[in-house]
Amino acid sequence: MQPAPPPWILQARRELGNRIRDARMEADLTQEKLAEIAGVDRTTIQNAEGGKVDPKFSLLLRLARALRVPLRDLMP
């Protein structure tokens, strides 16, 4: 079993999720539509926005491209 991540990692996950959600809302997209454009499942978007996972770099690239924002805009 993996040890729990330190609090600063959990905070960074939440901030990343908030930035993804904010960019999605700014683009006027639902989670379903963003998932479709990015080629992932809606639950992947839901988990990323909720700060429940450490998204892979490839997912972050897909999301930035789908949202038409620079990757750095999503990073905490």
PDB file of N, CA and C in Angstrom:
ATOM      1  N   MET A   1       0.845  -1.188   0.000  1.00  0.00           N
ATOM      2  CA  MET A   1       0.000   0.000   0.000  1.00  0.00           C
ATOM      3  C   MET A   1       0.887   1.248   0.000  1.00  0.00           C
ATOM      4  N   GLN A   2       0.520   2.210  -0.821  1.00  0.00           N
ATOM      5  CA  GLN A   2       1.275   3.458  -0.939  1.00  0.00           C
ATOM      6  C   GLN A   2       1.000   4.368   0.251  1.00  0.00           C
ATOM      7  N   PRO A   3       2.040   5.055   0.756  1.00  0.00           N
ATOM      8  CA  PRO A   3       1.788   6.037   1.812  1.00  0.00           C
ATOM      9  C   PRO A   3       1.005   7.218   1.253  1.00  0.00           C
ATOM     10  N   ALA A   4       0.269   7.871   2.130  1.00  0.00           N
ATOM     11  CA  ALA A   4      -0.513   9.041   1.719  1.00  0.00           C
ATOM     12  C   ALA A   4       0.431  10.154   1.264  1.00  0.00           C
ATOM     13  N   PRO A   5       0.057  10.853   0.193  1.00  0.00           N
ATOM     14  CA  PRO A   5       0.889  11.971  -0.271  1.00  0.00           C
ATOM     15  C   PRO A   5       0.945  13.078   0.782  1.00  0.00           C
ATOM     16  N   PRO A   6       2.033  13.842   0.778  1.00  0.00           N
ATOM     17  CA  PRO A   6       2.112  14.965   1.725  1.00  0.00           C
ATOM     18  C   PRO A   6       1.063  16.031   1.385  1.00  0.00           C
ATOM     19  N   PRO A   7       0.722  16.853   2.375  1.00  0.00           N
ATOM     20  CA  PRO A   7      -0.320  17.872   2.172  1.00  0.00           C
ATOM     21  C   PRO A   7      -0.054  18.806   0.993  1.00  0.00           C
ATOM     22  N   TRP A   8       1.197  19.169   0.736  1.00  0.00           N
ATOM     23  CA  TRP A   8       1.470  20.088  -0.361  1.00  0.00           C
ATOM     24  C   TRP A   8       1.165  19.451  -1.715  1.00  0.00           C
ATOM     25  N   ILE A   9       1.298  18.131  -1.824  1.00  0.00           N
ATOM     26  CA  ILE A   9       0.921  17.431  -3.068  1.00  0.00           C
ATOM     27  C   ILE A   9      -0.597  17.466  -3.219  1.00  0.00           C
ATOM     28  N   LEU A  10      -1.308  17.204  -2.140  1.00  0.00           N
ATOM     29  CA  LEU A  10      -2.774  17.231  -2.196  1.00  0.00           C
ATOM     30  C   LEU A  10      -3.275  18.619  -2.581  1.00  0.00           C
ATOM     31  N   GLN A  11      -2.644  19.656  -2.033  1.00  0.00           N
ATOM     32  CA  GLN A  11      -3.019  21.029  -2.371  1.00  0.00           C
ATOM     33  C   GLN A  11      -2.752  21.320  -3.851  1.00  0.00           C
ATOM     34  N   ALA A  12      -1.617  20.849  -4.362  1.00  0.00           N
ATOM     35  CA  ALA A  12      -1.288  21.064  -5.774  1.00  0.00           C
ATOM     36  C   ALA A  12      -2.285  20.349  -6.681  1.00  0.00           C
ATOM     37  N   ARG A  13      -2.703  19.148  -6.289  1.00  0.00           N
ATOM     38  CA  ARG A  13      -3.726  18.424  -7.062  1.00  0.00           C
ATOM     39  C   ARG A  13      -5.022  19.228  -7.126  1.00  0.00           C
ATOM     40  N   ARG A  14      -5.430  19.759  -5.960  1.00  0.00           N
ATOM     41  CA  ARG A  14      -6.670  20.551  -5.934  1.00  0.00           C
ATOM     42  C   ARG A  14      -6.552  21.784  -6.820  1.00  0.00           C
ATOM     43  N   GLU A  15      -5.409  22.461  -6.752  1.00  0.00           N
ATOM     44  CA  GLU A  15      -5.199  23.664  -7.564  1.00  0.00           C
ATOM     45  C   GLU A  15      -5.205  23.317  -9.056  1.00  0.00           C
ATOM     46  N   LEU A  16      -4.551  22.233  -9.418  1.00  0.00           N
ATOM     47  CA  LEU A  16      -4.553  21.782 -10.811  1.00  0.00           C
ATOM     48  C   LEU A  16      -5.985  21.496 -11.254  1.00  0.00           C
ATOM     49  N   GLY A  17      -6.732  20.779 -10.426  1.00  0.00           N
ATOM     50  CA  GLY A  17      -8.130  20.472 -10.753  1.00  0.00           C
ATOM     51  C   GLY A  17      -8.963  21.725 -10.927  1.00  0.00           C
ATOM     52  N   ASN A  18      -8.748  22.699 -10.049  1.00  0.00           N
ATOM     53  CA  ASN A  18      -9.482  23.969 -10.163  1.00  0.00           C
ATOM     54  C   ASN A  18      -9.140  24.676 -11.461  1.00  0.00           C
ATOM     55  N   ARG A  19      -7.878  24.648 -11.845  1.00  0.00           N
ATOM     56  CA  ARG A  19      -7.473  25.323 -13.088  1.00  0.00           C
ATOM     57  C   ARG A  19      -8.043  24.620 -14.315  1.00  0.00           C
ATOM     58  N   ILE A  20      -8.081  23.302 -14.272  1.00  0.00           N
ATOM     59  CA  ILE A  20      -8.686  22.558 -15.386  1.00  0.00           C
ATOM     60  C   ILE A  20     -10.172  22.911 -15.471  1.00  0.00           C
ATOM     61  N   ARG A  21     -10.860  22.877 -14.335  1.00  0.00           N
ATOM     62  CA  ARG A  21     -12.298  23.200 -14.316  1.00  0.00           C
ATOM     63  C   ARG A  21     -12.556  24.626 -14.794  1.00  0.00           C
ATOM     64  N   ASP A  22     -11.761  25.569 -14.314  1.00  0.00           N
ATOM     65  CA  ASP A  22     -11.943  26.967 -14.721  1.00  0.00           C
ATOM     66  C   ASP A  22     -11.734  27.139 -16.221  1.00  0.00           C
ATOM     67  N   ALA A  23     -10.700  26.486 -16.766  1.00  0.00           N
ATOM     68  CA  ALA A  23     -10.438  26.581 -18.213  1.00  0.00           C
ATOM     69  C   ALA A  23     -11.576  25.929 -18.998  1.00  0.00           C
ATOM     70  N   ARG A  24     -12.094  24.815 -18.490  1.00  0.00           N
ATOM     71  CA  ARG A  24     -13.214  24.144 -19.160  1.00  0.00           C
ATOM     72  C   ARG A  24     -14.444  25.036 -19.169  1.00  0.00           C
ATOM     73  N   MET A  25     -14.726  25.650 -18.049  1.00  0.00           N
ATOM     74  CA  MET A  25     -15.897  26.521 -17.969  1.00  0.00           C
ATOM     75  C   MET A  25     -15.711  27.768 -18.845  1.00  0.00           C
ATOM     76  N   GLU A  26     -14.500  28.305 -18.867  1.00  0.00           N
ATOM     77  CA  GLU A  26     -14.202  29.460 -19.733  1.00  0.00           C
ATOM     78  C   GLU A  26     -14.418  29.097 -21.206  1.00  0.00           C
ATOM     79  N   ALA A  27     -14.101  27.838 -21.546  1.00  0.00           N
ATOM     80  CA  ALA A  27     -14.301  27.368 -22.921  1.00  0.00           C
ATOM     81  C   ALA A  27     -15.748  26.949 -23.170  1.00  0.00           C
ATOM     82  N   ASP A  28     -16.600  27.053 -22.140  1.00  0.00           N
ATOM     83  CA  ASP A  28     -18.015  26.695 -22.238  1.00  0.00           C
ATOM     84  C   ASP A  28     -18.198  25.233 -22.669  1.00  0.00           C
ATOM     85  N   LEU A  29     -17.442  24.337 -21.999  1.00  0.00           N
ATOM     86  CA  LEU A  29     -17.514  22.911 -22.283  1.00  0.00           C
ATOM     87  C   LEU A  29     -18.010  22.159 -21.058  1.00  0.00           C
ATOM     88  N   THR A  30     -18.773  21.121 -21.290  1.00  0.00           N
ATOM     89  CA  THR A  30     -19.134  20.197 -20.220  1.00  0.00           C
ATOM     90  C   THR A  30     -17.978  19.226 -20.025  1.00  0.00           C
ATOM     91  N   GLN A  31     -18.002  18.501 -18.925  1.00  0.00           N
ATOM     92  CA  GLN A  31     -16.988  17.463 -18.728  1.00  0.00           C
ATOM     93  C   GLN A  31     -17.074  16.430 -19.847  1.00  0.00           C
ATOM     94  N   GLU A  32     -18.266  16.105 -20.253  1.00  0.00           N
ATOM     95  CA  GLU A  32     -18.464  15.121 -21.312  1.00  0.00           C
ATOM     96  C   GLU A  32     -17.845  15.591 -22.638  1.00  0.00           C
ATOM     97  N   LYS A  33     -18.084  16.857 -22.979  1.00  0.00           N
ATOM     98  CA  LYS A  33     -17.561  17.390 -24.242  1.00  0.00           C
ATOM     99  C   LYS A  33     -16.040  17.483 -24.194  1.00  0.00           C
ATOM    100  N   LEU A  34     -15.477  17.942 -23.072  1.00  0.00           N
ATOM    101  CA  LEU A  34     -14.024  18.003 -22.953  1.00  0.00           C
ATOM    102  C   LEU A  34     -13.424  16.607 -23.069  1.00  0.00           C
ATOM    103  N   ALA A  35     -14.058  15.633 -22.429  1.00  0.00           N
ATOM    104  CA  ALA A  35     -13.573  14.257 -22.514  1.00  0.00           C
ATOM    105  C   ALA A  35     -13.581  13.769 -23.958  1.00  0.00           C
ATOM    106  N   GLU A  36     -14.638  14.078 -24.670  1.00  0.00           N
ATOM    107  CA  GLU A  36     -14.752  13.670 -26.078  1.00  0.00           C
ATOM    108  C   GLU A  36     -13.637  14.306 -26.913  1.00  0.00           C
ATOM    109  N   ILE A  37     -13.424  15.591 -26.749  1.00  0.00           N
ATOM    110  CA  ILE A  37     -12.392  16.298 -27.524  1.00  0.00           C
ATOM    111  C   ILE A  37     -11.008  15.773 -27.175  1.00  0.00           C
ATOM    112  N   ALA A  38     -10.766  15.510 -25.886  1.00  0.00           N
ATOM    113  CA  ALA A  38      -9.447  15.065 -25.437  1.00  0.00           C
ATOM    114  C   ALA A  38      -9.225  13.567 -25.663  1.00  0.00           C
ATOM    115  N   GLY A  39     -10.300  12.848 -25.966  1.00  0.00           N
ATOM    116  CA  GLY A  39     -10.171  11.414 -26.219  1.00  0.00           C
ATOM    117  C   GLY A  39      -9.994  10.591 -24.952  1.00  0.00           C
ATOM    118  N   VAL A  40     -10.680  11.018 -23.884  1.00  0.00           N
ATOM    119  CA  VAL A  40     -10.615  10.295 -22.615  1.00  0.00           C
ATOM    120  C   VAL A  40     -12.030  10.097 -22.089  1.00  0.00           C
ATOM    121  N   ASP A  41     -12.144   9.347 -21.008  1.00  0.00           N
ATOM    122  CA  ASP A  41     -13.438   9.108 -20.385  1.00  0.00           C
ATOM    123  C   ASP A  41     -13.833  10.292 -19.511  1.00  0.00           C
ATOM    124  N   ARG A  42     -15.118  10.514 -19.353  1.00  0.00           N
ATOM    125  CA  ARG A  42     -15.586  11.619 -18.520  1.00  0.00           C
ATOM    126  C   ARG A  42     -15.106  11.485 -17.082  1.00  0.00           C
ATOM    127  N   THR A  43     -15.036  10.265 -16.575  1.00  0.00           N
ATOM    128  CA  THR A  43     -14.565  10.085 -15.198  1.00  0.00           C
ATOM    129  C   THR A  43     -13.112  10.511 -15.037  1.00  0.00           C
ATOM    130  N   THR A  44     -12.343  10.449 -16.107  1.00  0.00           N
ATOM    131  CA  THR A  44     -10.961  10.935 -16.071  1.00  0.00           C
ATOM    132  C   THR A  44     -10.952  12.436 -15.829  1.00  0.00           C
ATOM    133  N   ILE A  45     -11.839  13.142 -16.508  1.00  0.00           N
ATOM    134  CA  ILE A  45     -11.958  14.591 -16.316  1.00  0.00           C
ATOM    135  C   ILE A  45     -12.449  14.872 -14.901  1.00  0.00           C
ATOM    136  N   GLN A  46     -13.457  14.145 -14.473  1.00  0.00           N
ATOM    137  CA  GLN A  46     -14.026  14.327 -13.141  1.00  0.00           C
ATOM    138  C   GLN A  46     -12.955  14.112 -12.062  1.00  0.00           C
ATOM    139  N   ASN A  47     -12.162  13.078 -12.189  1.00  0.00           N
ATOM    140  CA  ASN A  47     -11.119  12.795 -11.201  1.00  0.00           C
ATOM    141  C   ASN A  47     -10.019  13.849 -11.219  1.00  0.00           C
ATOM    142  N   ALA A  48      -9.655  14.319 -12.407  1.00  0.00           N
ATOM    143  CA  ALA A  48      -8.622  15.353 -12.511  1.00  0.00           C
ATOM    144  C   ALA A  48      -9.121  16.658 -11.895  1.00  0.00           C
ATOM    145  N   GLU A  49     -10.346  17.049 -12.205  1.00  0.00           N
ATOM    146  CA  GLU A  49     -10.904  18.286 -11.654  1.00  0.00           C
ATOM    147  C   GLU A  49     -11.098  18.192 -10.142  1.00  0.00           C
ATOM    148  N   GLY A  50     -11.376  17.004  -9.660  1.00  0.00           N
ATOM    149  CA  GLY A  50     -11.596  16.811  -8.236  1.00  0.00           C
ATOM    150  C   GLY A  50     -10.311  16.657  -7.435  1.00  0.00           C
ATOM    151  N   GLY A  51      -9.168  16.662  -8.125  1.00  0.00           N
ATOM    152  CA  GLY A  51      -7.891  16.523  -7.438  1.00  0.00           C
ATOM    153  C   GLY A  51      -7.678  15.147  -6.843  1.00  0.00           C
ATOM    154  N   LYS A  52      -8.340  14.153  -7.404  1.00  0.00           N
ATOM    155  CA  LYS A  52      -8.275  12.795  -6.862  1.00  0.00           C
ATOM    156  C   LYS A  52      -7.105  11.981  -7.405  1.00  0.00           C
ATOM    157  N   VAL A  53      -6.479  12.456  -8.463  1.00  0.00           N
ATOM    158  CA  VAL A  53      -5.412  11.686  -9.117  1.00  0.00           C
ATOM    159  C   VAL A  53      -4.233  12.589  -9.455  1.00  0.00           C
ATOM    160  N   ASP A  54      -3.109  11.949  -9.705  1.00  0.00           N
ATOM    161  CA  ASP A  54      -1.956  12.631 -10.281  1.00  0.00           C
ATOM    162  C   ASP A  54      -2.027  12.368 -11.788  1.00  0.00           C
ATOM    163  N   PRO A  55      -2.522  13.336 -12.559  1.00  0.00           N
ATOM    164  CA  PRO A  55      -2.671  13.092 -13.997  1.00  0.00           C
ATOM    165  C   PRO A  55      -1.326  12.874 -14.675  1.00  0.00           C
ATOM    166  N   LYS A  56      -1.321  11.960 -15.622  1.00  0.00           N
ATOM    167  CA  LYS A  56      -0.118  11.739 -16.424  1.00  0.00           C
ATOM    168  C   LYS A  56       0.134  12.970 -17.288  1.00  0.00           C
ATOM    169  N   PHE A  57       1.388  13.143 -17.637  1.00  0.00           N
ATOM    170  CA  PHE A  57       1.775  14.271 -18.481  1.00  0.00           C
ATOM    171  C   PHE A  57       1.005  14.248 -19.795  1.00  0.00           C
ATOM    172  N   SER A  58       0.824  13.061 -20.358  1.00  0.00           N
ATOM    173  CA  SER A  58       0.105  12.957 -21.633  1.00  0.00           C
ATOM    174  C   SER A  58      -1.341  13.445 -21.495  1.00  0.00           C
ATOM    175  N   LEU A  59      -1.969  13.194 -20.352  1.00  0.00           N
ATOM    176  CA  LEU A  59      -3.333  13.698 -20.135  1.00  0.00           C
ATOM    177  C   LEU A  59      -3.325  15.215 -20.046  1.00  0.00           C
ATOM    178  N   LEU A  60      -2.363  15.770 -19.337  1.00  0.00           N
ATOM    179  CA  LEU A  60      -2.279  17.229 -19.237  1.00  0.00           C
ATOM    180  C   LEU A  60      -2.091  17.860 -20.613  1.00  0.00           C
ATOM    181  N   LEU A  61      -1.273  17.236 -21.447  1.00  0.00           N
ATOM    182  CA  LEU A  61      -1.088  17.741 -22.815  1.00  0.00           C
ATOM    183  C   LEU A  61      -2.393  17.683 -23.605  1.00  0.00           C
ATOM    184  N   ARG A  62      -3.110  16.575 -23.479  1.00  0.00           N
ATOM    185  CA  ARG A  62      -4.394  16.434 -24.182  1.00  0.00           C
ATOM    186  C   ARG A  62      -5.392  17.498 -23.732  1.00  0.00           C
ATOM    187  N   LEU A  63      -5.440  17.716 -22.410  1.00  0.00           N
ATOM    188  CA  LEU A  63      -6.391  18.692 -21.882  1.00  0.00           C
ATOM    189  C   LEU A  63      -6.033  20.103 -22.316  1.00  0.00           C
ATOM    190  N   ALA A  64      -4.760  20.444 -22.240  1.00  0.00           N
ATOM    191  CA  ALA A  64      -4.344  21.786 -22.663  1.00  0.00           C
ATOM    192  C   ALA A  64      -4.695  22.011 -24.130  1.00  0.00           C
ATOM    193  N   ARG A  65      -4.445  21.012 -24.943  1.00  0.00           N
ATOM    194  CA  ARG A  65      -4.757  21.145 -26.373  1.00  0.00           C
ATOM    195  C   ARG A  65      -6.266  21.259 -26.594  1.00  0.00           C
ATOM    196  N   ALA A  66      -7.035  20.426 -25.909  1.00  0.00           N
ATOM    197  CA  ALA A  66      -8.490  20.450 -26.068  1.00  0.00           C
ATOM    198  C   ALA A  66      -9.075  21.773 -25.580  1.00  0.00           C
ATOM    199  N   LEU A  67      -8.469  22.327 -24.532  1.00  0.00           N
ATOM    200  CA  LEU A  67      -8.952  23.587 -23.969  1.00  0.00           C
ATOM    201  C   LEU A  67      -8.367  24.807 -24.669  1.00  0.00           C
ATOM    202  N   ARG A  68      -7.401  24.554 -25.544  1.00  0.00           N
ATOM    203  CA  ARG A  68      -6.724  25.620 -26.301  1.00  0.00           C
ATOM    204  C   ARG A  68      -6.069  26.641 -25.366  1.00  0.00           C
ATOM    205  N   VAL A  69      -5.365  26.085 -24.367  1.00  0.00           N
ATOM    206  CA  VAL A  69      -4.600  26.919 -23.441  1.00  0.00           C
ATOM    207  C   VAL A  69      -3.183  26.364 -23.360  1.00  0.00           C
ATOM    208  N   PRO A  70      -2.202  27.203 -23.049  1.00  0.00           N
ATOM    209  CA  PRO A  70      -0.853  26.683 -22.828  1.00  0.00           C
ATOM    210  C   PRO A  70      -0.840  25.776 -21.595  1.00  0.00           C
ATOM    211  N   LEU A  71      -0.058  24.751 -21.649  1.00  0.00           N
ATOM    212  CA  LEU A  71       0.041  23.815 -20.521  1.00  0.00           C
ATOM    213  C   LEU A  71       0.372  24.558 -19.226  1.00  0.00           C
ATOM    214  N   ARG A  72       1.225  25.564 -19.308  1.00  0.00           N
ATOM    215  CA  ARG A  72       1.614  26.297 -18.103  1.00  0.00           C
ATOM    216  C   ARG A  72       0.427  26.964 -17.416  1.00  0.00           C
ATOM    217  N   ASP A  73      -0.642  27.246 -18.154  1.00  0.00           N
ATOM    218  CA  ASP A  73      -1.826  27.855 -17.546  1.00  0.00           C
ATOM    219  C   ASP A  73      -2.584  26.901 -16.644  1.00  0.00           C
ATOM    220  N   LEU A  74      -2.365  25.607 -16.826  1.00  0.00           N
ATOM    221  CA  LEU A  74      -3.033  24.614 -15.995  1.00  0.00           C
ATOM    222  C   LEU A  74      -2.225  24.276 -14.746  1.00  0.00           C
ATOM    223  N   MET A  75      -0.946  24.549 -14.780  1.00  0.00           N
ATOM    224  CA  MET A  75      -0.066  24.130 -13.691  1.00  0.00           C
ATOM    225  C   MET A  75      -0.190  25.048 -12.479  1.00  0.00           C
ATOM    226  N   PRO A  76      -0.196  24.445 -11.281  1.00  0.00           N
ATOM    227  CA  PRO A  76      -0.271  25.263 -10.066  1.00  0.00           C
ATOM    228  C   PRO A  76       1.059  25.970  -9.784  1.00  0.00           C
TER     229      PRO A  76
END
